[in-house]
Amino acid sequence: MTVPDIRIQKCNDADINDHGEFVLYWMTANRRPVWNFSLQRAVDHAKDLKKPLLIFEALRCSYQWASDRIHHFVIAGMADNTTAFQKTKALYFPYLEPKPGAGKGLLEELARRSCIVVTDDFPCFFLPRMVEAVAKQMQVRLEKVDSNGIFPMRGTDRVFSRAHDFRRFLQKNLRPHLQEFPIADPLKRIRIPELEEIPADIGRKWPSADVAIIADQPARLAEFPVDHSVGIIDIHGGFRAANEKLKRFSNSNIQRYPEYRNQPEEDVVSGFSPYLHFGHISGHEIFTKLMDDEEWTRDDLAEKASGSREGWWGCSPMLEAFLDQLITWREVGYNMCWQRDDYDQYESLPEWAQTTLQEHARDLRTSVYSLEEFEAAATHDKLWNAAQTQLVREGCIHNYLRMLWGKKILHWSESPRAALDIMIELNNKYAIDGRNPNSYSGIFWVLGRYDRAWGPERDIFGKVRYMTSENTARKVRVKQYVEKYRSQNS
């Protein structure tokens, strides 16, 4: 099966160079050797051109919010990839930039020697700007491939303002894309020439990194000029760890997911978010595994599109609940980010939300905290402090409490714009799944995106949905959670 055309986009007008030395896959977002449309596209080119395949995965040290935490998670994934690609006909080139600017010119040199460059189409953070800039400099064709979600980002030019509308749209239009999944192992039994090693002059100037050693010895991260105050976490990066998460979820947690997913003291959430963000696992693989476990087929789909969260898939209620998170809520964020450059700006909020927040921007706030006080979990609220402490310690917040975390930042900031800046800074600095369309969906939901006007109208919030720690504690069990993540300031 070939990669669907709707997932492929030419980034420049350059031609394919039939005389190049190899096909280059520049791996930037889909950092995995399996279930990867981008890799599959590169393999197709290598087979058609009868050329070797070089897979180049790099990690800069000057990206915003660069830290030990993010570096280690990505490097662990690179170590997994090193092992996986050694068993294939492709040559894998992992590169870790030792200091800012050290990697300058490397991609250009690889591209100069290639027939064509294939990269990943990721709609968020600095990646779109980077690909656009590089495309203008390349003398060979650059293609980017969308392997982000079940529904192709370019399957619609409409930006959806509500999850219900997007869900209904999917129920009407997703069916044909369920027949266009990536090959599970695109490198299996392929026949292409092999590249024994990277060109010697490139290897001398930009040596391949021994990522396995750094993954196993985190102290080596001190060699890189990144933020060492944001420490590594127990969650191990890479497609192997992601696959273990999938096995655990399918074998046990999925059974309890609908009933307990909003309970912070119950460990039933999937934990897929960091792996989806860094491309260590594919939504297609998760979908296939869970649906195969239920012996589901496309014939089970309902005919009518109601927009309801239940009933359309024709599978168990527990799986329907999870699919709504995996597909509807995750991919509505991708829908926003690839079409709107201002997805991370206050002005991207719905007009009703901007209006009501502006009307209440000068309301009296009984508590106002600075970024530094929020970061240190130094508020008067023990539950909020616990959520922030979990974020700093573990790189995540329980999904339900993440909503409360954002709502109280809005409540205790000097303005809605200040609240947005604080949420983005804390989330992107500490959350291992930050800097992602899905995380921006969550942050902006706090301010009204994908929501509706609520009553009664309240101080500060206006018509934006209101949440309190007291109500949250009545709805879900948090006593042990607060004790576990008690901050020094509580």
Protein backbone atom coordinates (compact mmCIF):
# COMPACT_ATOMS: atom_id res chain seq x y z
CA MET A 1 0.00 0.00 0.00
CA THR A 2 1.29 3.46 -0.89
CA VAL A 3 1.03 6.51 1.33
CA PRO A 4 -2.23 8.39 0.62
CA ASP A 5 -1.66 11.53 -1.45
CA ILE A 6 -3.61 13.63 1.05
CA ARG A 7 -0.87 13.01 3.61
CA ILE A 8 1.99 14.15 1.34
CA GLN A 9 2.92 17.76 0.64
CA LYS A 10 5.74 19.12 -1.51
CA CYS A 11 7.62 21.84 0.36
CA ASN A 12 9.57 23.25 -2.59
CA ASP A 13 9.67 23.14 -6.39
CA ALA A 14 13.00 21.33 -6.67
CA ASP A 15 13.26 18.08 -8.62
CA ILE A 16 14.28 14.62 -7.49
CA ASN A 17 18.00 14.09 -8.11
CA ASP A 18 18.30 10.65 -9.71
CA HIS A 19 22.08 10.83 -9.31
CA GLY A 20 22.03 11.36 -5.55
CA GLU A 21 23.75 8.91 -3.23
CA PHE A 22 20.73 8.02 -1.09
CA VAL A 23 17.17 8.87 -0.07
CA LEU A 24 17.17 10.90 3.13
CA TYR A 25 14.47 10.58 5.78
CA TRP A 26 14.84 13.54 8.14
CA MET A 27 13.03 12.25 11.24
CA THR A 28 11.75 15.16 13.34
CA ALA A 29 8.37 14.23 14.85
CA ASN A 30 7.50 10.62 14.01
CA ARG A 31 10.45 9.27 15.96
CA ARG A 32 9.72 5.56 15.49
CA PRO A 33 10.60 2.70 13.12
CA VAL A 34 7.06 1.33 12.83
CA TRP A 35 3.55 2.49 11.84
CA ASN A 36 5.08 5.58 10.25
CA PHE A 37 3.77 7.04 6.99
CA SER A 38 6.87 9.26 6.65
CA LEU A 39 9.26 6.33 6.86
CA GLN A 40 7.01 4.38 4.51
CA ARG A 41 7.17 7.22 1.95
CA ALA A 42 10.97 7.31 2.18
CA VAL A 43 11.12 3.55 1.68
CA ASP A 44 8.91 3.86 -1.41
CA HIS A 45 11.31 6.41 -2.89
CA ALA A 46 14.32 4.24 -2.11
CA LYS A 47 12.73 1.25 -3.81
CA ASP A 48 11.67 3.27 -6.86
CA LEU A 49 15.08 4.92 -7.25
CA LYS A 50 17.03 1.78 -6.25
CA LYS A 51 18.99 3.83 -3.74
CA PRO A 52 20.05 3.33 -0.12
CA LEU A 53 17.99 4.88 2.68
CA LEU A 54 19.60 7.13 5.28
CA ILE A 55 17.53 7.98 8.35
CA PHE A 56 18.72 11.14 10.08
CA GLU A 57 17.40 11.95 13.57
CA ALA A 58 18.86 14.98 15.32
CA LEU A 59 18.34 16.78 18.62
CA ARG A 60 19.24 20.42 18.89
CA CYS A 61 20.22 21.96 22.22
CA SER A 62 18.86 25.46 21.63
CA TYR A 63 15.14 24.79 21.30
CA GLN A 64 12.90 26.70 23.70
CA TRP A 65 12.47 24.95 27.06
CA ALA A 66 15.38 22.59 26.33
CA SER A 67 16.06 20.60 29.50
CA ASP A 68 17.45 17.37 30.90
CA ARG A 69 13.87 16.10 31.09
CA ILE A 70 13.06 16.52 27.40
CA HIS A 71 16.56 15.64 26.19
CA HIS A 72 16.62 12.36 28.10
CA PHE A 73 13.17 11.30 26.92
CA VAL A 74 14.09 11.94 23.27
CA ILE A 75 17.54 10.35 23.57
CA ALA A 76 16.00 7.20 25.07
CA GLY A 77 13.85 7.00 21.96
CA MET A 78 16.92 7.46 19.77
CA ALA A 79 18.60 4.57 21.58
CA ASP A 80 15.60 2.37 20.79
CA ASN A 81 15.76 3.46 17.16
CA THR A 82 19.46 2.66 16.96
CA THR A 83 18.79 -0.94 17.96
CA ALA A 84 15.77 -1.29 15.69
CA PHE A 85 17.38 0.12 12.55
CA GLN A 86 20.53 -2.01 12.96
CA LYS A 87 18.40 -4.98 11.93
CA THR A 88 17.27 -3.35 8.68
CA LYS A 89 18.73 -2.28 5.34
CA ALA A 90 18.46 1.38 6.30
CA LEU A 91 21.35 3.31 7.87
CA TYR A 92 20.45 5.29 10.97
CA PHE A 93 22.34 8.48 11.85
CA PRO A 94 21.55 9.90 15.32
CA TYR A 95 23.08 13.32 15.99
CA LEU A 96 23.14 15.27 19.27
CA GLU A 97 24.18 18.90 18.98
CA PRO A 98 26.87 19.52 21.65
CA LYS A 99 26.48 23.31 21.64
CA PRO A 100 24.24 25.84 19.92
CA GLY A 101 25.05 26.13 16.24
CA ALA A 102 27.30 23.07 16.11
CA GLY A 103 24.88 21.25 13.82
CA LYS A 104 24.62 24.13 11.35
CA GLY A 105 25.14 22.91 7.81
CA LEU A 106 24.70 19.22 8.55
CA LEU A 107 21.22 18.82 7.10
CA GLU A 108 22.18 20.91 4.07
CA GLU A 109 25.18 18.68 3.41
CA LEU A 110 23.12 15.51 3.71
CA ALA A 111 20.45 16.97 1.44
CA ARG A 112 23.05 17.99 -1.15
CA ARG A 113 24.07 14.36 -1.51
CA SER A 114 20.53 12.95 -1.51
CA CYS A 115 18.01 12.15 -4.22
CA ILE A 116 15.08 13.47 -2.21
CA VAL A 117 14.40 14.41 1.41
CA VAL A 118 11.31 13.21 3.26
CA THR A 119 10.39 14.69 6.64
CA ASP A 120 7.51 14.73 9.13
CA ASP A 121 4.57 17.12 8.93
CA PHE A 122 4.03 18.31 12.51
CA PRO A 123 1.91 21.47 12.89
CA CYS A 124 3.21 22.83 16.18
CA PHE A 125 6.13 24.39 18.06
CA PHE A 126 9.13 25.47 15.90
CA LEU A 127 8.92 22.57 13.44
CA PRO A 128 6.70 24.17 10.74
CA ARG A 129 8.93 27.26 10.56
CA MET A 130 12.07 25.13 10.46
CA VAL A 131 10.81 22.97 7.59
CA GLU A 132 9.66 26.01 5.65
CA ALA A 133 13.05 27.71 6.01
CA VAL A 134 15.02 24.60 5.09
CA ALA A 135 12.84 23.92 2.03
CA LYS A 136 13.88 27.23 0.48
CA GLN A 137 17.55 26.31 0.75
CA MET A 138 17.41 22.74 -0.57
CA GLN A 139 18.37 21.96 -4.14
CA VAL A 140 16.41 18.70 -4.10
CA ARG A 141 12.76 18.04 -3.46
CA LEU A 142 11.57 18.13 0.14
CA GLU A 143 8.33 16.36 1.05
CA LYS A 144 6.61 16.39 4.41
CA VAL A 145 4.28 13.57 5.40
CA ASP A 146 1.41 13.64 7.88
CA SER A 147 1.51 10.60 10.17
CA ASN A 148 -0.05 12.34 13.16
CA GLY A 149 -3.54 10.94 13.46
CA ILE A 150 -6.24 8.66 12.10
CA PHE A 151 -7.81 11.52 10.14
CA PRO A 152 -5.44 13.39 7.77
CA MET A 153 -4.95 17.01 8.78
CA ARG A 154 -5.70 18.14 5.22
CA GLY A 155 -8.92 16.16 5.10
CA THR A 156 -10.79 19.41 5.76
CA ASP A 157 -10.07 23.14 5.49
CA ARG A 158 -12.57 23.92 8.24
CA VAL A 159 -11.45 24.88 11.75
CA PHE A 160 -13.81 23.37 14.30
CA SER A 161 -14.90 25.44 17.29
CA ARG A 162 -16.50 22.59 19.24
CA ALA A 163 -15.52 18.98 19.83
CA HIS A 164 -19.13 17.91 19.13
CA ASP A 165 -18.96 19.41 15.63
CA PHE A 166 -15.62 17.77 14.93
CA ARG A 167 -16.88 14.43 16.24
CA ARG A 168 -19.90 14.58 13.97
CA PHE A 169 -17.69 15.53 11.02
CA LEU A 170 -15.46 12.53 11.73
CA GLN A 171 -18.43 10.20 11.88
CA LYS A 172 -19.39 11.39 8.40
CA ASN A 173 -15.91 11.41 6.87
CA LEU A 174 -13.54 9.10 8.75
CA ARG A 175 -14.69 5.79 7.27
CA PRO A 176 -12.48 5.74 4.11
CA HIS A 177 -9.39 6.69 6.12
CA LEU A 178 -9.84 3.62 8.30
CA GLN A 179 -8.74 1.64 5.23
CA GLU A 180 -5.54 3.68 4.79
CA PHE A 181 -3.29 2.78 7.69
CA PRO A 182 0.52 2.79 7.55
CA ILE A 183 2.39 -0.47 7.10
CA ALA A 184 3.30 -1.79 10.54
CA ASP A 185 6.93 -2.46 9.58
CA PRO A 186 7.81 -0.62 6.36
CA LEU A 187 11.43 -1.85 6.39
CA LYS A 188 10.58 -5.53 6.66
CA ARG A 189 12.01 -7.64 3.80
CA ILE A 190 12.58 -4.66 1.50
CA ARG A 191 15.14 -4.84 -1.29
CA ILE A 192 17.27 -1.72 -1.56
CA PRO A 193 21.02 -1.12 -1.72
CA GLU A 194 22.68 -0.65 1.66
CA LEU A 195 24.73 2.31 2.83
CA GLU A 196 27.54 0.99 5.01
CA GLU A 197 28.33 4.25 6.80
CA ILE A 198 27.74 7.96 6.62
CA PRO A 199 30.20 9.81 4.35
CA ALA A 200 33.57 10.10 6.14
CA ASP A 201 33.85 13.89 5.91
CA ILE A 202 30.39 14.29 7.43
CA GLY A 203 31.18 11.81 10.19
CA ARG A 204 34.35 13.67 11.14
CA LYS A 205 32.63 17.05 11.45
CA TRP A 206 29.34 15.78 12.84
CA PRO A 207 29.95 12.43 14.55
CA SER A 208 27.13 9.98 15.15
CA ALA A 209 26.07 10.05 18.80
CA ASP A 210 26.29 7.06 21.12
CA VAL A 211 22.77 7.65 22.35
CA ALA A 212 22.54 4.34 24.22
CA ILE A 213 25.25 5.40 26.67
CA ILE A 214 23.59 8.74 27.40
CA ALA A 215 20.20 7.08 27.79
CA ASP A 216 21.69 4.68 30.36
CA GLN A 217 23.88 7.31 32.06
CA PRO A 218 21.75 10.43 32.55
CA ALA A 219 24.63 12.22 34.29
CA ARG A 220 26.09 12.68 30.83
CA LEU A 221 23.35 15.22 30.15
CA ALA A 222 25.48 17.70 32.10
CA GLU A 223 27.59 17.97 28.93
CA PHE A 224 24.76 19.69 27.06
CA PRO A 225 23.85 23.39 27.48
CA VAL A 226 20.22 22.78 28.49
CA ASP A 227 18.21 23.57 31.63
CA HIS A 228 19.49 21.14 34.25
CA SER A 229 16.99 22.34 36.87
CA VAL A 230 14.19 20.44 35.07
CA GLY A 231 15.28 16.94 35.94
CA ILE A 232 14.61 13.63 34.24
CA ILE A 233 11.58 11.57 35.22
CA ASP A 234 10.87 7.89 35.73
CA ILE A 235 8.91 7.65 32.47
CA HIS A 236 11.31 6.18 29.91
CA GLY A 237 11.12 7.40 26.33
CA GLY A 238 11.14 5.32 23.16
CA PHE A 239 8.86 3.13 21.09
CA ARG A 240 9.59 0.04 23.21
CA ALA A 241 8.42 1.73 26.40
CA ALA A 242 5.41 3.05 24.51
CA ASN A 243 4.56 -0.47 23.40
CA GLU A 244 4.74 -1.68 26.99
CA LYS A 245 2.29 1.08 27.94
CA LEU A 246 -0.04 -0.14 25.21
CA LYS A 247 0.15 -3.74 26.40
CA ARG A 248 -0.57 -2.74 29.99
CA PHE A 249 -3.49 -0.54 29.01
CA SER A 250 -5.07 -3.13 26.74
CA ASN A 251 -4.63 -5.93 29.28
CA SER A 252 -5.98 -4.18 32.35
CA ASN A 253 -6.55 -0.42 32.51
CA ILE A 254 -9.00 -0.21 29.61
CA GLN A 255 -11.47 -2.25 31.65
CA ARG A 256 -11.64 0.44 34.33
CA TYR A 257 -11.12 3.47 32.09
CA PRO A 258 -14.71 4.83 31.79
CA GLU A 259 -15.43 4.62 35.51
CA TYR A 260 -12.11 5.74 36.96
CA ARG A 261 -10.32 7.90 34.38
CA ASN A 262 -11.31 11.09 36.23
CA GLN A 263 -10.14 9.75 39.60
CA PRO A 264 -6.65 11.10 40.43
CA GLU A 265 -6.04 8.33 42.96
CA GLU A 266 -6.69 5.55 40.41
CA ASP A 267 -3.95 4.63 37.93
CA VAL A 268 -6.12 3.85 34.91
CA VAL A 269 -5.14 6.53 32.39
CA SER A 270 -3.27 5.31 29.32
CA GLY A 271 -0.10 7.36 29.72
CA PHE A 272 0.24 7.56 25.93
CA SER A 273 0.42 11.34 25.67
CA PRO A 274 4.23 11.81 25.93
CA TYR A 275 4.82 8.99 23.45
CA LEU A 276 2.28 10.36 21.00
CA HIS A 277 3.83 13.81 21.29
CA PHE A 278 7.35 12.67 20.47
CA GLY A 279 6.14 10.20 17.87
CA HIS A 280 7.30 7.13 19.79
CA ILE A 281 3.95 5.53 19.13
CA SER A 282 1.30 6.00 16.47
CA GLY A 283 -2.40 6.55 16.97
CA HIS A 284 -2.87 3.99 14.20
CA GLU A 285 -1.03 1.34 16.21
CA ILE A 286 -2.98 2.08 19.39
CA PHE A 287 -6.26 1.95 17.48
CA THR A 288 -5.39 -1.31 15.73
CA LYS A 289 -4.28 -3.08 18.91
CA LEU A 290 -7.34 -2.11 20.95
CA MET A 291 -9.83 -2.78 18.17
CA ASP A 292 -8.26 -6.12 17.29
CA ASP A 293 -8.60 -7.15 20.92
CA GLU A 294 -12.36 -6.72 20.52
CA GLU A 295 -12.40 -8.36 17.07
CA TRP A 296 -13.90 -5.15 15.71
CA THR A 297 -14.39 -4.55 11.98
CA ARG A 298 -15.41 -1.50 9.97
CA ASP A 299 -18.79 -3.16 9.41
CA ASP A 300 -19.56 -2.41 13.06
CA LEU A 301 -19.66 1.35 12.42
CA ALA A 302 -23.06 3.01 12.74
CA GLU A 303 -24.55 4.44 9.56
CA LYS A 304 -25.74 7.75 10.98
CA ALA A 305 -23.48 10.52 12.29
CA SER A 306 -25.08 11.91 15.43
CA GLY A 307 -22.03 13.49 17.02
CA SER A 308 -22.62 11.39 20.12
CA ARG A 309 -19.61 10.14 22.08
CA GLU A 310 -21.16 6.68 22.30
CA GLY A 311 -22.62 4.27 19.79
CA TRP A 312 -20.96 5.20 16.51
CA TRP A 313 -17.94 2.93 16.70
CA GLY A 314 -19.94 -0.17 17.55
CA CYS A 315 -17.48 -1.38 20.16
CA SER A 316 -17.59 -1.65 23.95
CA PRO A 317 -18.49 1.48 25.96
CA MET A 318 -15.09 1.46 27.63
CA LEU A 319 -13.31 1.55 24.28
CA GLU A 320 -15.70 4.15 22.86
CA ALA A 321 -14.82 6.43 25.79
CA PHE A 322 -11.12 6.05 25.10
CA LEU A 323 -11.44 6.52 21.33
CA ASP A 324 -13.17 9.84 21.92
CA GLN A 325 -10.03 11.02 23.71
CA LEU A 326 -7.57 9.44 21.28
CA ILE A 327 -9.25 10.67 18.10
CA THR A 328 -11.81 13.43 18.70
CA TRP A 329 -10.11 15.44 21.42
CA ARG A 330 -6.55 14.79 20.30
CA GLU A 331 -7.05 15.44 16.61
CA VAL A 332 -9.25 18.52 16.97
CA GLY A 333 -6.08 20.19 18.29
CA TYR A 334 -4.15 19.20 15.17
CA ASN A 335 -7.02 20.56 13.10
CA MET A 336 -6.53 23.96 14.76
CA CYS A 337 -2.73 24.08 14.70
CA TRP A 338 -2.07 23.28 11.06
CA GLN A 339 -4.61 25.86 9.85
CA ARG A 340 -4.04 28.76 12.24
CA ASP A 341 -0.60 30.21 12.89
CA ASP A 342 -2.00 31.97 15.96
CA TYR A 343 -3.08 28.72 17.68
CA ASP A 344 -0.98 29.72 20.71
CA GLN A 345 -2.11 33.36 20.82
CA TYR A 346 -4.84 34.89 22.95
CA GLU A 347 -6.54 36.24 19.82
CA SER A 348 -7.32 32.69 18.66
CA LEU A 349 -9.95 32.35 21.40
CA PRO A 350 -13.63 32.43 20.37
CA GLU A 351 -15.03 35.94 20.23
CA TRP A 352 -17.51 35.26 23.03
CA ALA A 353 -14.67 34.17 25.33
CA GLN A 354 -12.51 37.21 24.53
CA THR A 355 -15.49 39.49 25.09
CA THR A 356 -16.53 38.07 28.46
CA LEU A 357 -12.96 37.85 29.77
CA GLN A 358 -12.33 41.45 28.73
CA GLU A 359 -15.49 42.59 30.49
CA HIS A 360 -14.21 41.02 33.72
CA ALA A 361 -10.49 41.70 33.30
CA ARG A 362 -10.55 44.40 36.01
CA ASP A 363 -12.57 42.40 38.53
CA LEU A 364 -11.13 42.27 42.03
CA ARG A 365 -8.94 39.22 42.63
CA THR A 366 -8.63 38.13 46.25
CA SER A 367 -5.38 36.32 45.42
CA VAL A 368 -2.84 37.17 42.73
CA TYR A 369 0.29 35.09 42.27
CA SER A 370 3.38 35.63 40.15
CA LEU A 371 4.84 33.09 37.74
CA GLU A 372 7.51 32.30 40.31
CA GLU A 373 4.94 31.64 43.03
CA PHE A 374 2.88 29.41 40.75
CA GLU A 375 6.01 27.54 39.68
CA ALA A 376 7.01 26.93 43.30
CA ALA A 377 3.49 25.67 44.19
CA ALA A 378 3.29 28.50 46.72
CA THR A 379 -0.45 29.24 46.68
CA HIS A 380 -2.96 29.01 49.52
CA ASP A 381 -4.65 25.99 47.85
CA LYS A 382 -3.31 22.56 48.82
CA LEU A 383 -4.96 20.72 45.92
CA TRP A 384 -3.63 23.17 43.34
CA ASN A 385 -0.18 23.00 44.91
CA ALA A 386 -0.30 19.20 44.68
CA ALA A 387 -1.13 19.33 40.97
CA GLN A 388 1.73 21.75 40.29
CA THR A 389 4.09 19.61 42.36
CA GLN A 390 3.15 16.55 40.30
CA LEU A 391 3.90 18.52 37.14
CA VAL A 392 7.36 19.53 38.39
CA ARG A 393 8.23 16.10 39.77
CA GLU A 394 6.74 13.81 37.15
CA GLY A 395 6.24 15.90 34.02
CA CYS A 396 2.47 15.47 34.00
CA ILE A 397 -0.73 16.28 35.86
CA HIS A 398 -3.65 13.91 36.14
CA ASN A 399 -5.98 14.75 33.25
CA TYR A 400 -8.91 15.86 35.40
CA LEU A 401 -6.80 18.00 37.72
CA ARG A 402 -5.04 19.64 34.79
CA MET A 403 -8.33 21.41 34.06
CA LEU A 404 -8.55 22.68 37.62
CA TRP A 405 -4.86 23.67 37.50
CA GLY A 406 -5.54 25.95 34.54
CA LYS A 407 -8.82 27.38 35.86
CA LYS A 408 -7.20 28.51 39.11
CA ILE A 409 -4.29 30.12 37.26
CA LEU A 410 -6.93 32.17 35.44
CA HIS A 411 -8.59 32.93 38.78
CA TRP A 412 -5.37 34.06 40.47
CA SER A 413 -3.56 35.93 37.67
CA GLU A 414 -3.63 39.68 37.16
CA SER A 415 -5.29 39.28 33.74
CA PRO A 416 -6.48 36.55 31.33
CA ARG A 417 -3.49 37.22 29.05
CA ALA A 418 -1.11 36.85 31.97
CA ALA A 419 -2.83 33.58 32.91
CA LEU A 420 -2.31 32.26 29.37
CA ASP A 421 1.38 33.14 29.43
CA ILE A 422 1.81 31.42 32.80
CA MET A 423 0.01 28.25 31.71
CA ILE A 424 2.07 27.98 28.51
CA GLU A 425 5.34 28.59 30.34
CA LEU A 426 4.74 26.06 33.12
CA ASN A 427 3.22 23.41 30.86
CA ASN A 428 5.89 23.64 28.16
CA LYS A 429 8.76 23.80 30.64
CA TYR A 430 7.76 20.85 32.80
CA ALA A 431 5.21 18.67 30.96
CA ILE A 432 6.82 15.93 28.91
CA ASP A 433 3.86 16.18 26.52
CA GLY A 434 3.95 19.97 26.32
CA ARG A 435 4.54 21.91 23.07
CA ASN A 436 1.88 19.76 21.40
CA PRO A 437 -1.43 20.61 19.69
CA ASN A 438 -3.26 18.57 22.31
CA SER A 439 -1.65 20.45 25.21
CA TYR A 440 -2.54 23.79 23.61
CA SER A 441 -6.13 22.52 23.32
CA GLY A 442 -6.15 21.90 27.06
CA ILE A 443 -4.64 25.27 27.93
CA PHE A 444 -6.99 27.22 25.69
CA TRP A 445 -10.00 25.18 26.83
CA VAL A 446 -9.45 26.84 30.21
CA LEU A 447 -10.17 30.17 28.49
CA GLY A 448 -13.13 28.97 26.41
CA ARG A 449 -11.81 27.21 23.31
CA TYR A 450 -14.00 24.19 22.34
CA ASP A 451 -16.47 25.21 25.04
CA ARG A 452 -19.61 27.34 25.26
CA ALA A 453 -20.79 30.25 27.38
CA TRP A 454 -21.89 29.19 30.86
CA GLY A 455 -24.10 30.75 33.50
CA PRO A 456 -24.34 32.23 35.98
CA GLU A 457 -21.85 34.93 34.98
CA ARG A 458 -19.08 35.17 37.57
CA ASP A 459 -16.37 37.58 38.60
CA ILE A 460 -13.13 37.18 36.65
CA PHE A 461 -14.46 34.22 34.62
CA GLY A 462 -17.49 35.93 33.17
CA LYS A 463 -19.25 33.30 31.06
CA VAL A 464 -16.19 31.00 30.87
CA ARG A 465 -16.65 27.67 32.67
CA TYR A 466 -15.86 27.93 36.38
CA MET A 467 -14.11 25.36 38.57
CA THR A 468 -13.08 25.32 42.22
CA SER A 469 -10.92 23.03 44.31
CA GLU A 470 -13.76 22.54 46.76
CA ASN A 471 -16.17 21.25 44.09
CA THR A 472 -13.44 19.10 42.58
CA ALA A 473 -12.74 17.51 45.97
CA ARG A 474 -16.43 16.68 46.28
CA LYS A 475 -16.58 15.08 42.82
CA VAL A 476 -13.38 13.02 42.95
CA ARG A 477 -11.18 11.56 45.66
CA VAL A 478 -8.10 13.71 46.25
CA LYS A 479 -7.06 13.23 49.89
CA GLN A 480 -4.32 10.71 49.12
CA TYR A 481 -3.33 12.66 46.02
CA VAL A 482 -2.76 15.82 48.05
CA GLU A 483 -0.77 13.85 50.60
CA LYS A 484 1.38 12.22 47.91
CA TYR A 485 2.19 15.49 46.20
CA ARG A 486 2.31 17.74 49.22
CA SER A 487 4.54 20.68 48.36
CA GLN A 488 6.99 22.24 50.79
CA ASN A 489 4.87 25.37 50.72
CA SER A 490 1.58 23.65 51.70
